[in-house]
């Protein structure tokens, strides 16, 4: 959902999103955003 929103609303050309929570409970994220 984070990846889709950044791509759609910011026009990001590349988005990487990693759930860094130990149990992958979606409370900690590491994100790379490439955007003009």
ModelCIF file with pLDDT and N, C-alpha, C, O atoms, coordinates in Angstrom:
data_MODEL
#
_entry.id   MODEL 
#
_entity.id                         1 
_entity.type                       polymer 
_entity.pdbx_number_of_molecules   1 
#
_entity_poly.entity_id                      1 
_entity_poly.type                           'polypeptide(L)' 
_entity_poly.nstd_linkage                   no 
_entity_poly.nstd_monomer                   no 
_entity_poly.pdbx_seq_one_letter_code       
;(UNK)(UNK)(UNK)(UNK)(UNK)(UNK)(UNK)(UNK)(UNK)(UNK)(UNK)(UNK)(UNK)(UNK)(UNK)(UNK)
(UNK)(UNK)(UNK)(UNK)(UNK)(UNK)(UNK)(UNK)(UNK)(UNK)(UNK)(UNK)(UNK)(UNK)(UNK)(UNK)
(UNK)(UNK)(UNK)(UNK)
;
_entity_poly.pdbx_seq_one_letter_code_can   XXXXXXXXXXXXXXXXXXXXXXXXXXXXXXXXXXXX 
_entity_poly.pdbx_strand_id                 A 
#
loop_
_entity_poly_seq.entity_id 
_entity_poly_seq.num 
_entity_poly_seq.mon_id 
_entity_poly_seq.hetero 
1 1  UNK n 
1 2  UNK n 
1 3  UNK n 
1 4  UNK n 
1 5  UNK n 
1 6  UNK n 
1 7  UNK n 
1 8  UNK n 
1 9  UNK n 
1 10 UNK n 
1 11 UNK n 
1 12 UNK n 
1 13 UNK n 
1 14 UNK n 
1 15 UNK n 
1 16 UNK n 
1 17 UNK n 
1 18 UNK n 
1 19 UNK n 
1 20 UNK n 
1 21 UNK n 
1 22 UNK n 
1 23 UNK n 
1 24 UNK n 
1 25 UNK n 
1 26 UNK n 
1 27 UNK n 
1 28 UNK n 
1 29 UNK n 
1 30 UNK n 
1 31 UNK n 
1 32 UNK n 
1 33 UNK n 
1 34 UNK n 
1 35 UNK n 
1 36 UNK n 
#
_struct_asym.id          A 
_struct_asym.entity_id   1 
#
loop_
_ma_qa_metric.id 
_ma_qa_metric.mode 
_ma_qa_metric.name 
_ma_qa_metric.software_group_id 
_ma_qa_metric.type 
1 global pLDDT . pLDDT 
2 local  pLDDT . pLDDT 
#
_ma_qa_metric_global.metric_id      1 
_ma_qa_metric_global.metric_value   92.75 
_ma_qa_metric_global.model_id       1 
_ma_qa_metric_global.ordinal_id     1 
#
loop_
_ma_qa_metric_local.label_asym_id 
_ma_qa_metric_local.label_comp_id 
_ma_qa_metric_local.label_seq_id 
_ma_qa_metric_local.metric_id 
_ma_qa_metric_local.metric_value 
_ma_qa_metric_local.model_id 
_ma_qa_metric_local.ordinal_id 
A UNK 1  2 95.00 1 1  
A UNK 2  2 96.00 1 2  
A UNK 3  2 97.00 1 3  
A UNK 4  2 96.00 1 4  
A UNK 5  2 97.00 1 5  
A UNK 6  2 97.00 1 6  
A UNK 7  2 96.00 1 7  
A UNK 8  2 97.00 1 8  
A UNK 9  2 96.00 1 9  
A UNK 10 2 96.00 1 10 
A UNK 11 2 96.00 1 11 
A UNK 12 2 97.00 1 12 
A UNK 13 2 96.00 1 13 
A UNK 14 2 97.00 1 14 
A UNK 15 2 97.00 1 15 
A UNK 16 2 97.00 1 16 
A UNK 17 2 96.00 1 17 
A UNK 18 2 94.00 1 18 
A UNK 19 2 91.00 1 19 
A UNK 20 2 92.00 1 20 
A UNK 21 2 88.00 1 21 
A UNK 22 2 82.00 1 22 
A UNK 23 2 81.00 1 23 
A UNK 24 2 67.00 1 24 
A UNK 25 2 75.00 1 25 
A UNK 26 2 72.00 1 26 
A UNK 27 2 86.00 1 27 
A UNK 28 2 93.00 1 28 
A UNK 29 2 95.00 1 29 
A UNK 30 2 96.00 1 30 
A UNK 31 2 98.00 1 31 
A UNK 32 2 98.00 1 32 
A UNK 33 2 98.00 1 33 
A UNK 34 2 98.00 1 34 
A UNK 35 2 98.00 1 35 
A UNK 36 2 98.00 1 36 
#
loop_
_atom_site.group_PDB 
_atom_site.id 
_atom_site.type_symbol 
_atom_site.label_atom_id 
_atom_site.label_alt_id 
_atom_site.label_comp_id 
_atom_site.label_asym_id 
_atom_site.label_entity_id 
_atom_site.label_seq_id 
_atom_site.pdbx_PDB_ins_code 
_atom_site.Cartn_x 
_atom_site.Cartn_y 
_atom_site.Cartn_z 
_atom_site.occupancy 
_atom_site.B_iso_or_equiv 
_atom_site.pdbx_formal_charge 
_atom_site.auth_seq_id 
_atom_site.auth_comp_id 
_atom_site.auth_asym_id 
_atom_site.auth_atom_id 
_atom_site.pdbx_PDB_model_num 
ATOM 1   N N  . UNK A 1 1  ? 0.831  -1.211  0.000   1.00 95.00 ? 1  UNK A N  1 
ATOM 2   C CA . UNK A 1 1  ? 0.000  0.000   0.000   1.00 95.00 ? 1  UNK A CA 1 
ATOM 3   C C  . UNK A 1 1  ? 0.865  1.261   0.000   1.00 95.00 ? 1  UNK A C  1 
ATOM 4   O O  . UNK A 1 1  ? 0.516  2.250   -0.644  1.00 95.00 ? 1  UNK A O  1 
ATOM 5   N N  . UNK A 1 2  ? 1.985  1.233   0.714   1.00 96.00 ? 2  UNK A N  1 
ATOM 6   C CA . UNK A 1 2  ? 2.910  2.376   0.716   1.00 96.00 ? 2  UNK A CA 1 
ATOM 7   C C  . UNK A 1 2  ? 3.508  2.549   -0.681  1.00 96.00 ? 2  UNK A C  1 
ATOM 8   O O  . UNK A 1 2  ? 3.545  3.662   -1.206  1.00 96.00 ? 2  UNK A O  1 
ATOM 9   N N  . UNK A 1 3  ? 3.969  1.468   -1.273  1.00 97.00 ? 3  UNK A N  1 
ATOM 10  C CA . UNK A 1 3  ? 4.572  1.507   -2.614  1.00 97.00 ? 3  UNK A CA 1 
ATOM 11  C C  . UNK A 1 3  ? 3.571  2.078   -3.620  1.00 97.00 ? 3  UNK A C  1 
ATOM 12  O O  . UNK A 1 3  ? 3.915  2.965   -4.401  1.00 97.00 ? 3  UNK A O  1 
ATOM 13  N N  . UNK A 1 4  ? 2.349  1.579   -3.604  1.00 96.00 ? 4  UNK A N  1 
ATOM 14  C CA . UNK A 1 4  ? 1.329  2.031   -4.561  1.00 96.00 ? 4  UNK A CA 1 
ATOM 15  C C  . UNK A 1 4  ? 0.997  3.505   -4.387  1.00 96.00 ? 4  UNK A C  1 
ATOM 16  O O  . UNK A 1 4  ? 0.847  4.227   -5.373  1.00 96.00 ? 4  UNK A O  1 
ATOM 17  N N  . UNK A 1 5  ? 0.882  3.957   -3.150  1.00 97.00 ? 5  UNK A N  1 
ATOM 18  C CA . UNK A 1 5  ? 0.520  5.356   -2.899  1.00 97.00 ? 5  UNK A CA 1 
ATOM 19  C C  . UNK A 1 5  ? 1.629  6.297   -3.350  1.00 97.00 ? 5  UNK A C  1 
ATOM 20  O O  . UNK A 1 5  ? 1.351  7.322   -3.973  1.00 97.00 ? 5  UNK A O  1 
ATOM 21  N N  . UNK A 1 6  ? 2.880  5.966   -3.045  1.00 97.00 ? 6  UNK A N  1 
ATOM 22  C CA . UNK A 1 6  ? 3.991  6.822   -3.459  1.00 97.00 ? 6  UNK A CA 1 
ATOM 23  C C  . UNK A 1 6  ? 4.104  6.886   -4.982  1.00 97.00 ? 6  UNK A C  1 
ATOM 24  O O  . UNK A 1 6  ? 4.373  7.949   -5.540  1.00 97.00 ? 6  UNK A O  1 
ATOM 25  N N  . UNK A 1 7  ? 3.905  5.776   -5.639  1.00 96.00 ? 7  UNK A N  1 
ATOM 26  C CA . UNK A 1 7  ? 3.976  5.759   -7.104  1.00 96.00 ? 7  UNK A CA 1 
ATOM 27  C C  . UNK A 1 7  ? 2.837  6.577   -7.709  1.00 96.00 ? 7  UNK A C  1 
ATOM 28  O O  . UNK A 1 7  ? 3.055  7.365   -8.629  1.00 96.00 ? 7  UNK A O  1 
ATOM 29  N N  . UNK A 1 8  ? 1.640  6.390   -7.199  1.00 97.00 ? 8  UNK A N  1 
ATOM 30  C CA . UNK A 1 8  ? 0.461  7.058   -7.768  1.00 97.00 ? 8  UNK A CA 1 
ATOM 31  C C  . UNK A 1 8  ? 0.418  8.553   -7.445  1.00 97.00 ? 8  UNK A C  1 
ATOM 32  O O  . UNK A 1 8  ? 0.184  9.370   -8.335  1.00 97.00 ? 8  UNK A O  1 
ATOM 33  N N  . UNK A 1 9  ? 0.639  8.912   -6.191  1.00 96.00 ? 9  UNK A N  1 
ATOM 34  C CA . UNK A 1 9  ? 0.431  10.295  -5.776  1.00 96.00 ? 9  UNK A CA 1 
ATOM 35  C C  . UNK A 1 9  ? 1.648  11.195  -5.961  1.00 96.00 ? 9  UNK A C  1 
ATOM 36  O O  . UNK A 1 9  ? 1.503  12.405  -6.136  1.00 96.00 ? 9  UNK A O  1 
ATOM 37  N N  . UNK A 1 10 ? 2.844  10.615  -5.923  1.00 96.00 ? 10 UNK A N  1 
ATOM 38  C CA . UNK A 1 10 ? 4.046  11.436  -6.096  1.00 96.00 ? 10 UNK A CA 1 
ATOM 39  C C  . UNK A 1 10 ? 4.669  11.279  -7.471  1.00 96.00 ? 10 UNK A C  1 
ATOM 40  O O  . UNK A 1 10 ? 5.562  12.041  -7.842  1.00 96.00 ? 10 UNK A O  1 
ATOM 41  N N  . UNK A 1 11 ? 4.205  10.299  -8.224  1.00 96.00 ? 11 UNK A N  1 
ATOM 42  C CA . UNK A 1 11 ? 4.804  10.068  -9.529  1.00 96.00 ? 11 UNK A CA 1 
ATOM 43  C C  . UNK A 1 11 ? 6.190  9.451   -9.428  1.00 96.00 ? 11 UNK A C  1 
ATOM 44  O O  . UNK A 1 11 ? 7.031  9.648   -10.305 1.00 96.00 ? 11 UNK A O  1 
ATOM 45  N N  . UNK A 1 12 ? 6.427  8.702   -8.354  1.00 97.00 ? 12 UNK A N  1 
ATOM 46  C CA . UNK A 1 12 ? 7.720  8.055   -8.176  1.00 97.00 ? 12 UNK A CA 1 
ATOM 47  C C  . UNK A 1 12 ? 7.940  7.031   -9.286  1.00 97.00 ? 12 UNK A C  1 
ATOM 48  O O  . UNK A 1 12 ? 7.031  6.278   -9.637  1.00 97.00 ? 12 UNK A O  1 
ATOM 49  N N  . UNK A 1 13 ? 9.148  7.011   -9.832  1.00 96.00 ? 13 UNK A N  1 
ATOM 50  C CA . UNK A 1 13 ? 9.453  6.081   -10.921 1.00 96.00 ? 13 UNK A CA 1 
ATOM 51  C C  . UNK A 1 13 ? 10.013 4.762   -10.402 1.00 96.00 ? 13 UNK A C  1 
ATOM 52  O O  . UNK A 1 13 ? 10.047 3.768   -11.128 1.00 96.00 ? 13 UNK A O  1 
ATOM 53  N N  . UNK A 1 14 ? 10.448 4.754   -9.155  1.00 97.00 ? 14 UNK A N  1 
ATOM 54  C CA . UNK A 1 14 ? 10.945 3.524   -8.535  1.00 97.00 ? 14 UNK A CA 1 
ATOM 55  C C  . UNK A 1 14 ? 10.706 3.632   -7.035  1.00 97.00 ? 14 UNK A C  1 
ATOM 56  O O  . UNK A 1 14 ? 11.051 4.639   -6.417  1.00 97.00 ? 14 UNK A O  1 
ATOM 57  N N  . UNK A 1 15 ? 10.118 2.600   -6.455  1.00 97.00 ? 15 UNK A N  1 
ATOM 58  C CA . UNK A 1 15 ? 9.859  2.580   -5.015  1.00 97.00 ? 15 UNK A CA 1 
ATOM 59  C C  . UNK A 1 15 ? 10.181 1.189   -4.484  1.00 97.00 ? 15 UNK A C  1 
ATOM 60  O O  . UNK A 1 15 ? 9.688  0.185   -4.998  1.00 97.00 ? 15 UNK A O  1 
ATOM 61  N N  . UNK A 1 16 ? 11.007 1.144   -3.460  1.00 97.00 ? 16 UNK A N  1 
ATOM 62  C CA . UNK A 1 16 ? 11.290 -0.107  -2.756  1.00 97.00 ? 16 UNK A CA 1 
ATOM 63  C C  . UNK A 1 16 ? 10.822 0.077   -1.322  1.00 97.00 ? 16 UNK A C  1 
ATOM 64  O O  . UNK A 1 16 ? 11.186 1.056   -0.672  1.00 97.00 ? 16 UNK A O  1 
ATOM 65  N N  . UNK A 1 17 ? 10.028 -0.845  -0.829  1.00 96.00 ? 17 UNK A N  1 
ATOM 66  C CA . UNK A 1 17 ? 9.534  -0.774  0.539   1.00 96.00 ? 17 UNK A CA 1 
ATOM 67  C C  . UNK A 1 17 ? 9.836  -2.097  1.224   1.00 96.00 ? 17 UNK A C  1 
ATOM 68  O O  . UNK A 1 17 ? 9.466  -3.164  0.734   1.00 96.00 ? 17 UNK A O  1 
ATOM 69  N N  . UNK A 1 18 ? 10.511 -2.014  2.358   1.00 94.00 ? 18 UNK A N  1 
ATOM 70  C CA . UNK A 1 18 ? 10.847 -3.212  3.125   1.00 94.00 ? 18 UNK A CA 1 
ATOM 71  C C  . UNK A 1 18 ? 10.219 -3.112  4.511   1.00 94.00 ? 18 UNK A C  1 
ATOM 72  O O  . UNK A 1 18 ? 10.427 -2.128  5.221   1.00 94.00 ? 18 UNK A O  1 
ATOM 73  N N  . UNK A 1 19 ? 9.463  -4.115  4.890   1.00 91.00 ? 19 UNK A N  1 
ATOM 74  C CA . UNK A 1 19 ? 8.913  -4.194  6.238   1.00 91.00 ? 19 UNK A CA 1 
ATOM 75  C C  . UNK A 1 19 ? 10.046 -4.683  7.144   1.00 91.00 ? 19 UNK A C  1 
ATOM 76  O O  . UNK A 1 19 ? 10.438 -5.848  7.075   1.00 91.00 ? 19 UNK A O  1 
ATOM 77  N N  . UNK A 1 20 ? 10.565 -3.801  7.984   1.00 92.00 ? 20 UNK A N  1 
ATOM 78  C CA . UNK A 1 20 ? 11.725 -4.137  8.815   1.00 92.00 ? 20 UNK A CA 1 
ATOM 79  C C  . UNK A 1 20 ? 11.342 -4.609  10.215  1.00 92.00 ? 20 UNK A C  1 
ATOM 80  O O  . UNK A 1 20 ? 12.209 -4.799  11.069  1.00 92.00 ? 20 UNK A O  1 
ATOM 81  N N  . UNK A 1 21 ? 10.059 -4.796  10.446  1.00 88.00 ? 21 UNK A N  1 
ATOM 82  C CA . UNK A 1 21 ? 9.606  -5.317  11.724  1.00 88.00 ? 21 UNK A CA 1 
ATOM 83  C C  . UNK A 1 21 ? 10.017 -6.791  11.814  1.00 88.00 ? 21 UNK A C  1 
ATOM 84  O O  . UNK A 1 21 ? 9.885  -7.528  10.837  1.00 88.00 ? 21 UNK A O  1 
ATOM 85  N N  . UNK A 1 22 ? 10.505 -7.217  12.959  1.00 82.00 ? 22 UNK A N  1 
ATOM 86  C CA . UNK A 1 22 ? 10.975 -8.604  13.096  1.00 82.00 ? 22 UNK A CA 1 
ATOM 87  C C  . UNK A 1 22 ? 9.925  -9.628  12.726  1.00 82.00 ? 22 UNK A C  1 
ATOM 88  O O  . UNK A 1 22 ? 10.237 -10.625 12.075  1.00 82.00 ? 22 UNK A O  1 
ATOM 89  N N  . UNK A 1 23 ? 8.699  -9.404  13.123  1.00 81.00 ? 23 UNK A N  1 
ATOM 90  C CA . UNK A 1 23 ? 7.635  -10.359 12.811  1.00 81.00 ? 23 UNK A CA 1 
ATOM 91  C C  . UNK A 1 23 ? 6.763  -9.905  11.633  1.00 81.00 ? 23 UNK A C  1 
ATOM 92  O O  . UNK A 1 23 ? 5.676  -10.438 11.410  1.00 81.00 ? 23 UNK A O  1 
ATOM 93  N N  . UNK A 1 24 ? 7.259  -8.911  10.884  1.00 67.00 ? 24 UNK A N  1 
ATOM 94  C CA . UNK A 1 24 ? 6.563  -8.366  9.715   1.00 67.00 ? 24 UNK A CA 1 
ATOM 95  C C  . UNK A 1 24 ? 5.118  -7.960  10.030  1.00 67.00 ? 24 UNK A C  1 
ATOM 96  O O  . UNK A 1 24 ? 4.183  -8.279  9.296   1.00 67.00 ? 24 UNK A O  1 
ATOM 97  N N  . UNK A 1 25 ? 4.975  -7.240  11.158  1.00 75.00 ? 25 UNK A N  1 
ATOM 98  C CA . UNK A 1 25 ? 3.638  -6.779  11.552  1.00 75.00 ? 25 UNK A CA 1 
ATOM 99  C C  . UNK A 1 25 ? 3.331  -5.377  11.020  1.00 75.00 ? 25 UNK A C  1 
ATOM 100 O O  . UNK A 1 25 ? 2.374  -4.740  11.460  1.00 75.00 ? 25 UNK A O  1 
ATOM 101 N N  . UNK A 1 26 ? 4.135  -4.903  10.084  1.00 72.00 ? 26 UNK A N  1 
ATOM 102 C CA . UNK A 1 26 ? 3.876  -3.641  9.378   1.00 72.00 ? 26 UNK A CA 1 
ATOM 103 C C  . UNK A 1 26 ? 3.864  -2.415  10.277  1.00 72.00 ? 26 UNK A C  1 
ATOM 104 O O  . UNK A 1 26 ? 2.981  -1.566  10.154  1.00 72.00 ? 26 UNK A O  1 
ATOM 105 N N  . UNK A 1 27 ? 4.832  -2.314  11.180  1.00 86.00 ? 27 UNK A N  1 
ATOM 106 C CA . UNK A 1 27 ? 4.936  -1.101  11.996  1.00 86.00 ? 27 UNK A CA 1 
ATOM 107 C C  . UNK A 1 27 ? 6.275  -0.408  11.817  1.00 86.00 ? 27 UNK A C  1 
ATOM 108 O O  . UNK A 1 27 ? 6.514  0.645   12.408  1.00 86.00 ? 27 UNK A O  1 
ATOM 109 N N  . UNK A 1 28 ? 7.153  -0.991  11.007  1.00 93.00 ? 28 UNK A N  1 
ATOM 110 C CA . UNK A 1 28 ? 8.466  -0.416  10.748  1.00 93.00 ? 28 UNK A CA 1 
ATOM 111 C C  . UNK A 1 28 ? 8.831  -0.663  9.288   1.00 93.00 ? 28 UNK A C  1 
ATOM 112 O O  . UNK A 1 28 ? 8.793  -1.796  8.808   1.00 93.00 ? 28 UNK A O  1 
ATOM 113 N N  . UNK A 1 29 ? 9.189  0.426   8.584   1.00 95.00 ? 29 UNK A N  1 
ATOM 114 C CA . UNK A 1 29 ? 9.468  0.308   7.163   1.00 95.00 ? 29 UNK A CA 1 
ATOM 115 C C  . UNK A 1 29 ? 10.733 1.065   6.782   1.00 95.00 ? 29 UNK A C  1 
ATOM 116 O O  . UNK A 1 29 ? 11.073 2.090   7.374   1.00 95.00 ? 29 UNK A O  1 
ATOM 117 N N  . UNK A 1 30 ? 11.418 0.534   5.779   1.00 96.00 ? 30 UNK A N  1 
ATOM 118 C CA . UNK A 1 30 ? 12.563 1.187   5.148   1.00 96.00 ? 30 UNK A CA 1 
ATOM 119 C C  . UNK A 1 30 ? 12.169 1.392   3.692   1.00 96.00 ? 30 UNK A C  1 
ATOM 120 O O  . UNK A 1 30 ? 11.775 0.443   3.014   1.00 96.00 ? 30 UNK A O  1 
ATOM 121 N N  . UNK A 1 31 ? 12.274 2.630   3.207   1.00 98.00 ? 31 UNK A N  1 
ATOM 122 C CA . UNK A 1 31 ? 11.749 2.959   1.892   1.00 98.00 ? 31 UNK A CA 1 
ATOM 123 C C  . UNK A 1 31 ? 12.796 3.698   1.053   1.00 98.00 ? 31 UNK A C  1 
ATOM 124 O O  . UNK A 1 31 ? 13.493 4.582   1.551   1.00 98.00 ? 31 UNK A O  1 
ATOM 125 N N  . UNK A 1 32 ? 12.896 3.326   -0.218  1.00 98.00 ? 32 UNK A N  1 
ATOM 126 C CA . UNK A 1 32 ? 13.698 4.046   -1.198  1.00 98.00 ? 32 UNK A CA 1 
ATOM 127 C C  . UNK A 1 32 ? 12.730 4.586   -2.244  1.00 98.00 ? 32 UNK A C  1 
ATOM 128 O O  . UNK A 1 32 ? 11.969 3.831   -2.849  1.00 98.00 ? 32 UNK A O  1 
ATOM 129 N N  . UNK A 1 33 ? 12.767 5.909   -2.451  1.00 98.00 ? 33 UNK A N  1 
ATOM 130 C CA . UNK A 1 33 ? 11.860 6.538   -3.407  1.00 98.00 ? 33 UNK A CA 1 
ATOM 131 C C  . UNK A 1 33 ? 12.684 7.302   -4.441  1.00 98.00 ? 33 UNK A C  1 
ATOM 132 O O  . UNK A 1 33 ? 13.511 8.141   -4.087  1.00 98.00 ? 33 UNK A O  1 
ATOM 133 N N  . UNK A 1 34 ? 12.455 7.008   -5.712  1.00 98.00 ? 34 UNK A N  1 
ATOM 134 C CA . UNK A 1 34 ? 13.105 7.718   -6.807  1.00 98.00 ? 34 UNK A CA 1 
ATOM 135 C C  . UNK A 1 34 ? 12.012 8.508   -7.523  1.00 98.00 ? 34 UNK A C  1 
ATOM 136 O O  . UNK A 1 34 ? 11.075 7.935   -8.080  1.00 98.00 ? 34 UNK A O  1 
ATOM 137 N N  . UNK A 1 35 ? 12.148 9.828   -7.497  1.00 98.00 ? 35 UNK A N  1 
ATOM 138 C CA . UNK A 1 35 ? 11.061 10.666  -8.002  1.00 98.00 ? 35 UNK A CA 1 
ATOM 139 C C  . UNK A 1 35 ? 11.608 11.931  -8.678  1.00 98.00 ? 35 UNK A C  1 
ATOM 140 O O  . UNK A 1 35 ? 12.449 12.622  -8.103  1.00 98.00 ? 35 UNK A O  1 
ATOM 141 N N  . UNK A 1 36 ? 11.142 12.233  -9.881  1.00 98.00 ? 36 UNK A N  1 
ATOM 142 C CA . UNK A 1 36 ? 11.578 13.452  -10.567 1.00 98.00 ? 36 UNK A CA 1 
ATOM 143 C C  . UNK A 1 36 ? 11.241 14.728  -9.789  1.00 98.00 ? 36 UNK A C  1 
ATOM 144 O O  . UNK A 1 36 ? 11.549 15.829  -10.246 1.00 98.00 ? 36 UNK A O  1 
#
